[in-house]
Amino acid sequence: MTYRVCFVCTGNICRSPMAEAVFHARVADAGLDDLVTVDSAGTGGWHEGDGADPRTVAVLAEHGYDLGHTARQFHQSWFSRLDLVIALDAGHLRALRRLAPTEEDAAKVRLLRSYDPAADGDLDVPDPYYGGTDGFEECLEMVEAASGGLLAAVREQVEGRAA
């Protein structure tokens, strides 16, 4: 049985596709790509059908990540097929938990940086869209820092299913 993770930000062109690319690479490196699927979406549909922001693509490529991406909006019906929904900031977390049809589904929603043991206080990944490349670099650093802890949590769930 496949474990499904979906990263969610606002428009699905900056933060969530970046997190998707990084986490997909971590899953593949761990040899779990047959057991874990990774995708992303936005809380809104403003960019639906668009590719990732060119700055996202450039920063990912510069750091060795691949990304083939088309933006889409998260739908309530997806909760039933997802195991974990990763919000990139507190606003996304609140919106997704309000959208969740059940308490069980709401419990699937977590903040990405909650998986970073060094994160302290504000667990938001700031939106880099209105800034320069530095914001995209900072976003990547935060995503990478949380990916190890997230991978450990997902591995534990996947191994628990196999037992």
N, C-alpha and C. Protein backbone atom coordinates (compact mmCIF):
# COMPACT_ATOMS: atom_id res chain seq x y z
N MET A 1 0.84 -1.18 0.00
CA MET A 1 0.00 0.00 0.00
C MET A 1 0.89 1.25 0.00
N THR A 2 0.62 2.16 -0.88
CA THR A 2 1.41 3.38 -1.03
C THR A 2 1.03 4.42 0.01
N TYR A 3 2.04 5.06 0.58
CA TYR A 3 1.85 6.16 1.53
C TYR A 3 1.89 7.45 0.71
N ARG A 4 0.88 8.30 0.87
CA ARG A 4 0.75 9.49 0.03
C ARG A 4 0.91 10.77 0.84
N VAL A 5 1.81 11.63 0.35
CA VAL A 5 2.11 12.91 0.99
C VAL A 5 1.84 14.02 -0.02
N CYS A 6 1.13 15.07 0.42
CA CYS A 6 0.88 16.23 -0.45
C CYS A 6 1.30 17.49 0.28
N PHE A 7 2.15 18.29 -0.36
CA PHE A 7 2.59 19.58 0.18
C PHE A 7 1.66 20.66 -0.35
N VAL A 8 1.28 21.61 0.52
CA VAL A 8 0.33 22.64 0.13
C VAL A 8 0.81 24.02 0.54
N CYS A 9 0.82 24.94 -0.44
CA CYS A 9 1.05 26.36 -0.17
C CYS A 9 -0.10 27.13 -0.80
N THR A 10 0.09 28.39 -1.11
CA THR A 10 -1.01 29.22 -1.59
C THR A 10 -1.35 28.94 -3.06
N GLY A 11 -0.39 29.16 -3.96
CA GLY A 11 -0.67 29.04 -5.39
C GLY A 11 -0.07 27.84 -6.06
N ASN A 12 0.73 27.06 -5.33
CA ASN A 12 1.37 25.85 -5.86
C ASN A 12 2.35 26.14 -7.00
N ILE A 13 3.08 27.27 -6.86
CA ILE A 13 4.13 27.54 -7.85
C ILE A 13 5.49 27.82 -7.21
N CYS A 14 5.55 28.01 -5.89
CA CYS A 14 6.83 28.32 -5.23
C CYS A 14 7.18 27.29 -4.15
N ARG A 15 6.59 27.47 -2.98
CA ARG A 15 6.99 26.66 -1.82
C ARG A 15 6.60 25.20 -1.93
N SER A 16 5.35 24.90 -2.26
CA SER A 16 4.95 23.48 -2.26
C SER A 16 5.62 22.67 -3.36
N PRO A 17 5.80 23.22 -4.58
CA PRO A 17 6.54 22.41 -5.55
C PRO A 17 8.01 22.22 -5.16
N MET A 18 8.57 23.23 -4.48
CA MET A 18 9.94 23.09 -4.00
C MET A 18 10.01 21.97 -2.97
N ALA A 19 9.07 21.96 -2.03
CA ALA A 19 9.04 20.90 -1.02
C ALA A 19 8.80 19.54 -1.67
N GLU A 20 7.93 19.50 -2.65
CA GLU A 20 7.68 18.25 -3.38
C GLU A 20 8.96 17.71 -4.01
N ALA A 21 9.70 18.57 -4.69
CA ALA A 21 10.93 18.14 -5.37
C ALA A 21 11.97 17.64 -4.37
N VAL A 22 12.16 18.39 -3.30
CA VAL A 22 13.17 18.01 -2.30
C VAL A 22 12.77 16.70 -1.62
N PHE A 23 11.52 16.60 -1.20
CA PHE A 23 11.11 15.40 -0.48
C PHE A 23 11.10 14.18 -1.40
N HIS A 24 10.70 14.37 -2.64
CA HIS A 24 10.75 13.26 -3.60
C HIS A 24 12.18 12.74 -3.73
N ALA A 25 13.15 13.65 -3.79
CA ALA A 25 14.56 13.24 -3.87
C ALA A 25 14.97 12.46 -2.61
N ARG A 26 14.53 12.93 -1.43
CA ARG A 26 14.86 12.24 -0.18
C ARG A 26 14.25 10.83 -0.16
N VAL A 27 13.01 10.73 -0.61
CA VAL A 27 12.32 9.43 -0.66
C VAL A 27 13.06 8.49 -1.61
N ALA A 28 13.46 8.99 -2.77
CA ALA A 28 14.19 8.16 -3.74
C ALA A 28 15.54 7.73 -3.17
N ASP A 29 16.26 8.67 -2.55
CA ASP A 29 17.56 8.34 -1.96
C ASP A 29 17.44 7.27 -0.88
N ALA A 30 16.31 7.27 -0.18
CA ALA A 30 16.09 6.30 0.90
C ALA A 30 15.58 4.96 0.37
N GLY A 31 15.36 4.88 -0.96
CA GLY A 31 14.86 3.64 -1.55
C GLY A 31 13.39 3.38 -1.27
N LEU A 32 12.64 4.45 -0.98
CA LEU A 32 11.23 4.30 -0.63
C LEU A 32 10.29 4.74 -1.76
N ASP A 33 10.83 5.05 -2.93
CA ASP A 33 9.99 5.60 -3.99
C ASP A 33 8.93 4.64 -4.50
N ASP A 34 9.06 3.35 -4.22
CA ASP A 34 8.00 2.41 -4.58
C ASP A 34 6.89 2.37 -3.53
N LEU A 35 7.17 2.95 -2.35
CA LEU A 35 6.22 2.90 -1.24
C LEU A 35 5.60 4.25 -0.90
N VAL A 36 6.20 5.34 -1.38
CA VAL A 36 5.75 6.68 -1.01
C VAL A 36 5.57 7.51 -2.28
N THR A 37 4.41 8.15 -2.41
CA THR A 37 4.21 9.10 -3.50
C THR A 37 4.15 10.50 -2.91
N VAL A 38 4.67 11.45 -3.68
CA VAL A 38 4.79 12.82 -3.23
C VAL A 38 4.22 13.73 -4.31
N ASP A 39 3.35 14.67 -3.92
CA ASP A 39 2.88 15.67 -4.86
C ASP A 39 2.61 16.97 -4.11
N SER A 40 1.99 17.92 -4.79
CA SER A 40 1.73 19.21 -4.16
C SER A 40 0.50 19.86 -4.77
N ALA A 41 0.00 20.88 -4.08
CA ALA A 41 -1.18 21.62 -4.53
C ALA A 41 -1.20 22.98 -3.83
N GLY A 42 -2.14 23.81 -4.24
CA GLY A 42 -2.31 25.12 -3.63
C GLY A 42 -3.66 25.23 -2.96
N THR A 43 -3.77 26.12 -1.98
CA THR A 43 -5.07 26.35 -1.34
C THR A 43 -6.01 27.06 -2.30
N GLY A 44 -5.45 27.77 -3.27
CA GLY A 44 -6.25 28.47 -4.28
C GLY A 44 -5.90 27.99 -5.67
N GLY A 45 -6.73 28.35 -6.63
CA GLY A 45 -6.52 27.90 -7.99
C GLY A 45 -6.00 28.96 -8.95
N TRP A 46 -5.44 30.05 -8.42
CA TRP A 46 -4.98 31.17 -9.26
C TRP A 46 -4.02 30.75 -10.35
N HIS A 47 -3.14 29.81 -10.05
CA HIS A 47 -2.09 29.43 -11.00
C HIS A 47 -2.33 28.05 -11.61
N GLU A 48 -3.51 27.49 -11.40
CA GLU A 48 -3.80 26.14 -11.89
C GLU A 48 -3.44 26.02 -13.37
N GLY A 49 -2.68 24.97 -13.68
CA GLY A 49 -2.25 24.73 -15.04
C GLY A 49 -0.91 25.34 -15.39
N ASP A 50 -0.41 26.25 -14.56
CA ASP A 50 0.89 26.88 -14.79
C ASP A 50 2.02 25.98 -14.30
N GLY A 51 3.21 26.22 -14.81
CA GLY A 51 4.40 25.57 -14.29
C GLY A 51 4.85 26.27 -13.01
N ALA A 52 5.87 25.73 -12.39
CA ALA A 52 6.43 26.36 -11.20
C ALA A 52 7.05 27.71 -11.57
N ASP A 53 7.13 28.59 -10.60
CA ASP A 53 7.79 29.88 -10.78
C ASP A 53 9.21 29.63 -11.30
N PRO A 54 9.66 30.37 -12.30
CA PRO A 54 11.01 30.15 -12.85
C PRO A 54 12.11 30.26 -11.80
N ARG A 55 11.90 31.07 -10.78
CA ARG A 55 12.91 31.18 -9.71
C ARG A 55 12.96 29.91 -8.88
N THR A 56 11.82 29.28 -8.67
CA THR A 56 11.78 27.99 -7.97
C THR A 56 12.57 26.95 -8.77
N VAL A 57 12.27 26.89 -10.06
CA VAL A 57 12.94 25.93 -10.94
C VAL A 57 14.45 26.16 -10.95
N ALA A 58 14.86 27.43 -11.04
CA ALA A 58 16.29 27.77 -11.10
C ALA A 58 17.01 27.39 -9.82
N VAL A 59 16.43 27.72 -8.67
CA VAL A 59 17.07 27.40 -7.39
C VAL A 59 17.15 25.89 -7.20
N LEU A 60 16.08 25.18 -7.54
CA LEU A 60 16.12 23.73 -7.42
C LEU A 60 17.19 23.13 -8.33
N ALA A 61 17.24 23.57 -9.57
CA ALA A 61 18.23 23.04 -10.52
C ALA A 61 19.65 23.32 -10.04
N GLU A 62 19.86 24.52 -9.52
CA GLU A 62 21.19 24.90 -9.01
C GLU A 62 21.64 23.97 -7.88
N HIS A 63 20.68 23.40 -7.17
CA HIS A 63 21.00 22.51 -6.05
C HIS A 63 20.79 21.03 -6.39
N GLY A 64 20.61 20.73 -7.67
CA GLY A 64 20.56 19.34 -8.11
C GLY A 64 19.21 18.66 -8.04
N TYR A 65 18.15 19.43 -7.93
CA TYR A 65 16.80 18.83 -7.88
C TYR A 65 16.10 18.98 -9.22
N ASP A 66 15.32 17.95 -9.57
CA ASP A 66 14.48 17.97 -10.77
C ASP A 66 13.06 18.33 -10.37
N LEU A 67 12.37 19.01 -11.27
CA LEU A 67 10.97 19.33 -11.02
C LEU A 67 10.22 19.42 -12.33
N GLY A 68 9.30 18.51 -12.52
CA GLY A 68 8.31 18.61 -13.59
C GLY A 68 7.01 18.92 -12.88
N HIS A 69 6.42 20.08 -13.12
CA HIS A 69 5.33 20.51 -12.26
C HIS A 69 4.25 21.28 -13.01
N THR A 70 3.02 21.01 -12.66
CA THR A 70 1.87 21.78 -13.12
C THR A 70 1.02 22.11 -11.89
N ALA A 71 0.79 23.39 -11.66
CA ALA A 71 0.05 23.83 -10.47
C ALA A 71 -1.39 23.34 -10.51
N ARG A 72 -1.90 23.06 -9.32
CA ARG A 72 -3.29 22.64 -9.17
C ARG A 72 -3.79 23.04 -7.79
N GLN A 73 -5.08 23.05 -7.62
CA GLN A 73 -5.70 23.43 -6.36
C GLN A 73 -6.06 22.18 -5.56
N PHE A 74 -5.83 22.26 -4.25
CA PHE A 74 -6.18 21.16 -3.36
C PHE A 74 -7.70 21.07 -3.24
N HIS A 75 -8.22 19.84 -3.25
CA HIS A 75 -9.66 19.62 -3.12
C HIS A 75 -9.96 18.78 -1.89
N GLN A 76 -11.06 19.10 -1.25
CA GLN A 76 -11.48 18.41 -0.04
C GLN A 76 -11.53 16.89 -0.23
N SER A 77 -11.96 16.45 -1.39
CA SER A 77 -12.10 15.01 -1.65
C SER A 77 -10.76 14.26 -1.60
N TRP A 78 -9.66 14.99 -1.68
CA TRP A 78 -8.35 14.34 -1.67
C TRP A 78 -7.98 13.77 -0.31
N PHE A 79 -8.57 14.31 0.74
CA PHE A 79 -8.22 13.84 2.08
C PHE A 79 -8.35 12.33 2.20
N SER A 80 -9.36 11.76 1.57
CA SER A 80 -9.60 10.32 1.71
C SER A 80 -8.48 9.47 1.13
N ARG A 81 -7.71 10.01 0.19
CA ARG A 81 -6.65 9.21 -0.43
C ARG A 81 -5.25 9.60 0.06
N LEU A 82 -5.17 10.64 0.90
CA LEU A 82 -3.87 11.09 1.40
C LEU A 82 -3.62 10.62 2.82
N ASP A 83 -2.36 10.35 3.11
CA ASP A 83 -1.97 9.97 4.47
C ASP A 83 -1.46 11.16 5.26
N LEU A 84 -0.85 12.12 4.56
CA LEU A 84 -0.24 13.27 5.22
C LEU A 84 -0.36 14.48 4.30
N VAL A 85 -0.82 15.58 4.85
CA VAL A 85 -0.95 16.83 4.11
C VAL A 85 -0.04 17.84 4.82
N ILE A 86 0.98 18.31 4.11
CA ILE A 86 1.99 19.17 4.72
C ILE A 86 1.77 20.62 4.30
N ALA A 87 1.42 21.45 5.27
CA ALA A 87 1.20 22.88 5.04
C ALA A 87 2.53 23.62 5.17
N LEU A 88 2.70 24.64 4.34
CA LEU A 88 3.96 25.40 4.37
C LEU A 88 3.91 26.58 5.33
N ASP A 89 2.73 27.02 5.74
CA ASP A 89 2.66 28.04 6.77
C ASP A 89 1.36 27.88 7.56
N ALA A 90 1.24 28.65 8.64
CA ALA A 90 0.10 28.52 9.55
C ALA A 90 -1.23 28.85 8.87
N GLY A 91 -1.22 29.77 7.92
CA GLY A 91 -2.44 30.08 7.18
C GLY A 91 -2.93 28.90 6.38
N HIS A 92 -2.00 28.20 5.74
CA HIS A 92 -2.36 26.99 5.00
C HIS A 92 -2.87 25.92 5.95
N LEU A 93 -2.22 25.79 7.09
CA LEU A 93 -2.62 24.80 8.08
C LEU A 93 -4.07 25.03 8.51
N ARG A 94 -4.41 26.28 8.83
CA ARG A 94 -5.78 26.60 9.24
C ARG A 94 -6.78 26.34 8.11
N ALA A 95 -6.44 26.77 6.90
CA ALA A 95 -7.34 26.59 5.76
C ALA A 95 -7.58 25.10 5.48
N LEU A 96 -6.54 24.31 5.54
CA LEU A 96 -6.67 22.88 5.26
C LEU A 96 -7.45 22.17 6.36
N ARG A 97 -7.22 22.55 7.61
CA ARG A 97 -7.97 21.91 8.70
C ARG A 97 -9.44 22.28 8.65
N ARG A 98 -9.75 23.50 8.23
CA ARG A 98 -11.16 23.90 8.05
C ARG A 98 -11.80 23.12 6.90
N LEU A 99 -11.02 22.83 5.88
CA LEU A 99 -11.51 22.12 4.71
C LEU A 99 -11.71 20.63 4.97
N ALA A 100 -10.98 20.09 5.95
CA ALA A 100 -11.03 18.66 6.23
C ALA A 100 -12.44 18.23 6.62
N PRO A 101 -12.95 17.17 5.99
CA PRO A 101 -14.31 16.73 6.27
C PRO A 101 -14.50 16.05 7.63
N THR A 102 -13.41 15.51 8.20
CA THR A 102 -13.50 14.83 9.50
C THR A 102 -12.33 15.26 10.38
N GLU A 103 -12.46 14.97 11.68
CA GLU A 103 -11.35 15.25 12.60
C GLU A 103 -10.13 14.40 12.24
N GLU A 104 -10.37 13.19 11.78
CA GLU A 104 -9.28 12.31 11.36
C GLU A 104 -8.51 12.93 10.19
N ASP A 105 -9.25 13.51 9.25
CA ASP A 105 -8.60 14.17 8.11
C ASP A 105 -7.86 15.42 8.57
N ALA A 106 -8.43 16.18 9.47
CA ALA A 106 -7.76 17.38 9.98
C ALA A 106 -6.45 17.02 10.67
N ALA A 107 -6.41 15.86 11.31
CA ALA A 107 -5.19 15.41 12.00
C ALA A 107 -4.08 15.04 11.02
N LYS A 108 -4.41 14.84 9.76
CA LYS A 108 -3.40 14.53 8.74
C LYS A 108 -2.59 15.77 8.35
N VAL A 109 -3.07 16.96 8.70
CA VAL A 109 -2.45 18.21 8.28
C VAL A 109 -1.40 18.62 9.30
N ARG A 110 -0.17 18.83 8.82
CA ARG A 110 0.95 19.22 9.68
C ARG A 110 1.75 20.33 9.02
N LEU A 111 2.44 21.11 9.82
CA LEU A 111 3.35 22.13 9.30
C LEU A 111 4.68 21.49 8.95
N LEU A 112 5.22 21.83 7.80
CA LEU A 112 6.49 21.25 7.36
C LEU A 112 7.60 21.46 8.39
N ARG A 113 7.74 22.69 8.86
CA ARG A 113 8.87 22.98 9.75
C ARG A 113 8.73 22.35 11.13
N SER A 114 7.58 21.75 11.43
CA SER A 114 7.44 21.02 12.69
C SER A 114 8.33 19.77 12.68
N TYR A 115 8.82 19.40 11.51
CA TYR A 115 9.72 18.25 11.37
C TYR A 115 11.19 18.66 11.44
N ASP A 116 11.46 19.94 11.61
CA ASP A 116 12.84 20.43 11.72
C ASP A 116 13.16 20.62 13.20
N PRO A 117 14.02 19.77 13.76
CA PRO A 117 14.31 19.87 15.19
C PRO A 117 14.97 21.20 15.59
N ALA A 118 15.58 21.89 14.65
CA ALA A 118 16.23 23.17 14.95
C ALA A 118 15.28 24.36 14.81
N ALA A 119 14.10 24.14 14.24
CA ALA A 119 13.14 25.24 14.06
C ALA A 119 12.62 25.66 15.42
N ASP A 120 12.52 26.95 15.61
CA ASP A 120 12.12 27.46 16.91
C ASP A 120 11.12 28.60 16.72
N GLY A 121 10.03 28.54 17.42
CA GLY A 121 9.07 29.63 17.35
C GLY A 121 8.24 29.59 16.08
N ASP A 122 8.48 30.54 15.18
CA ASP A 122 7.72 30.66 13.93
C ASP A 122 8.06 29.50 13.01
N LEU A 123 7.06 28.68 12.70
CA LEU A 123 7.29 27.51 11.85
C LEU A 123 6.87 27.72 10.41
N ASP A 124 6.57 28.97 10.04
CA ASP A 124 6.19 29.27 8.66
C ASP A 124 7.40 29.26 7.74
N VAL A 125 7.20 28.78 6.53
CA VAL A 125 8.17 28.96 5.45
C VAL A 125 7.67 30.22 4.72
N PRO A 126 8.42 31.32 4.79
CA PRO A 126 7.94 32.57 4.19
C PRO A 126 7.74 32.45 2.68
N ASP A 127 6.73 33.15 2.19
CA ASP A 127 6.43 33.14 0.76
C ASP A 127 7.47 33.98 0.02
N PRO A 128 8.24 33.37 -0.88
CA PRO A 128 9.28 34.12 -1.58
C PRO A 128 8.79 34.84 -2.84
N TYR A 129 7.53 34.67 -3.21
CA TYR A 129 7.00 35.11 -4.50
C TYR A 129 7.28 36.58 -4.82
N TYR A 130 7.09 37.47 -3.87
CA TYR A 130 7.22 38.90 -4.14
C TYR A 130 8.63 39.44 -3.93
N GLY A 131 9.57 38.56 -3.66
CA GLY A 131 10.94 38.99 -3.43
C GLY A 131 11.89 38.48 -4.51
N GLY A 132 13.16 38.50 -4.17
CA GLY A 132 14.19 38.06 -5.10
C GLY A 132 14.60 36.62 -4.87
N THR A 133 15.67 36.26 -5.52
CA THR A 133 16.18 34.89 -5.45
C THR A 133 16.57 34.49 -4.03
N ASP A 134 17.00 35.45 -3.23
CA ASP A 134 17.39 35.13 -1.84
C ASP A 134 16.26 34.45 -1.08
N GLY A 135 15.03 34.91 -1.30
CA GLY A 135 13.89 34.31 -0.62
C GLY A 135 13.67 32.87 -1.04
N PHE A 136 13.94 32.57 -2.29
CA PHE A 136 13.81 31.20 -2.78
C PHE A 136 14.91 30.31 -2.20
N GLU A 137 16.10 30.88 -2.06
CA GLU A 137 17.21 30.14 -1.42
C GLU A 137 16.87 29.85 0.04
N GLU A 138 16.33 30.85 0.74
CA GLU A 138 15.94 30.67 2.14
C GLU A 138 14.85 29.61 2.26
N CYS A 139 13.89 29.65 1.36
CA CYS A 139 12.83 28.65 1.33
C CYS A 139 13.42 27.25 1.17
N LEU A 140 14.34 27.10 0.23
CA LEU A 140 14.97 25.80 0.01
C LEU A 140 15.70 25.32 1.26
N GLU A 141 16.42 26.22 1.93
CA GLU A 141 17.12 25.84 3.16
C GLU A 141 16.16 25.31 4.21
N MET A 142 15.02 25.98 4.37
CA MET A 142 14.03 25.55 5.36
C MET A 142 13.42 24.21 4.98
N VAL A 143 13.12 24.05 3.71
CA VAL A 143 12.54 22.79 3.23
C VAL A 143 13.53 21.65 3.45
N GLU A 144 14.78 21.86 3.08
CA GLU A 144 15.79 20.81 3.26
C GLU A 144 15.98 20.47 4.74
N ALA A 145 15.97 21.48 5.60
CA ALA A 145 16.18 21.25 7.03
C ALA A 145 15.07 20.40 7.64
N ALA A 146 13.85 20.54 7.13
CA ALA A 146 12.72 19.78 7.66
C ALA A 146 12.57 18.40 7.01
N SER A 147 13.17 18.21 5.85
CA SER A 147 12.95 16.98 5.09
C SER A 147 13.48 15.72 5.77
N GLY A 148 14.56 15.83 6.51
CA GLY A 148 15.09 14.66 7.21
C GLY A 148 14.13 14.15 8.27
N GLY A 149 13.60 15.06 9.07
CA GLY A 149 12.64 14.68 10.11
C GLY A 149 11.34 14.14 9.51
N LEU A 150 10.90 14.76 8.42
CA LEU A 150 9.70 14.29 7.74
C LEU A 150 9.93 12.90 7.17
N LEU A 151 11.09 12.67 6.58
CA LEU A 151 11.39 11.36 6.02
C LEU A 151 11.39 10.30 7.13
N ALA A 152 11.96 10.63 8.28
CA ALA A 152 11.98 9.68 9.39
C ALA A 152 10.55 9.34 9.83
N ALA A 153 9.68 10.34 9.90
CA ALA A 153 8.29 10.11 10.31
C ALA A 153 7.55 9.27 9.28
N VAL A 154 7.77 9.56 8.01
CA VAL A 154 7.09 8.79 6.95
C VAL A 154 7.64 7.36 6.92
N ARG A 155 8.93 7.22 7.07
CA ARG A 155 9.54 5.86 7.09
C ARG A 155 8.92 5.03 8.21
N GLU A 156 8.74 5.64 9.37
CA GLU A 156 8.15 4.93 10.51
C GLU A 156 6.72 4.47 10.17
N GLN A 157 5.96 5.32 9.51
CA GLN A 157 4.59 4.96 9.12
C GLN A 157 4.59 3.84 8.08
N VAL A 158 5.48 3.95 7.09
CA VAL A 158 5.56 2.95 6.02
C VAL A 158 5.98 1.60 6.59
N GLU A 159 6.97 1.61 7.46
CA GLU A 159 7.43 0.35 8.08
C GLU A 159 6.37 -0.22 8.99
N GLY A 160 5.60 0.66 9.65
CA GLY A 160 4.50 0.20 10.52
C GLY A 160 3.41 -0.51 9.73
N ARG A 161 3.19 -0.08 8.51
CA ARG A 161 2.19 -0.72 7.64
C ARG A 161 2.65 -2.10 7.20
N ALA A 162 3.98 -2.24 7.01
CA ALA A 162 4.53 -3.50 6.52
C ALA A 162 4.57 -4.56 7.62
N ALA A 163 4.58 -4.09 8.87
CA ALA A 163 4.70 -5.03 9.99
C ALA A 163 3.44 -5.81 10.26
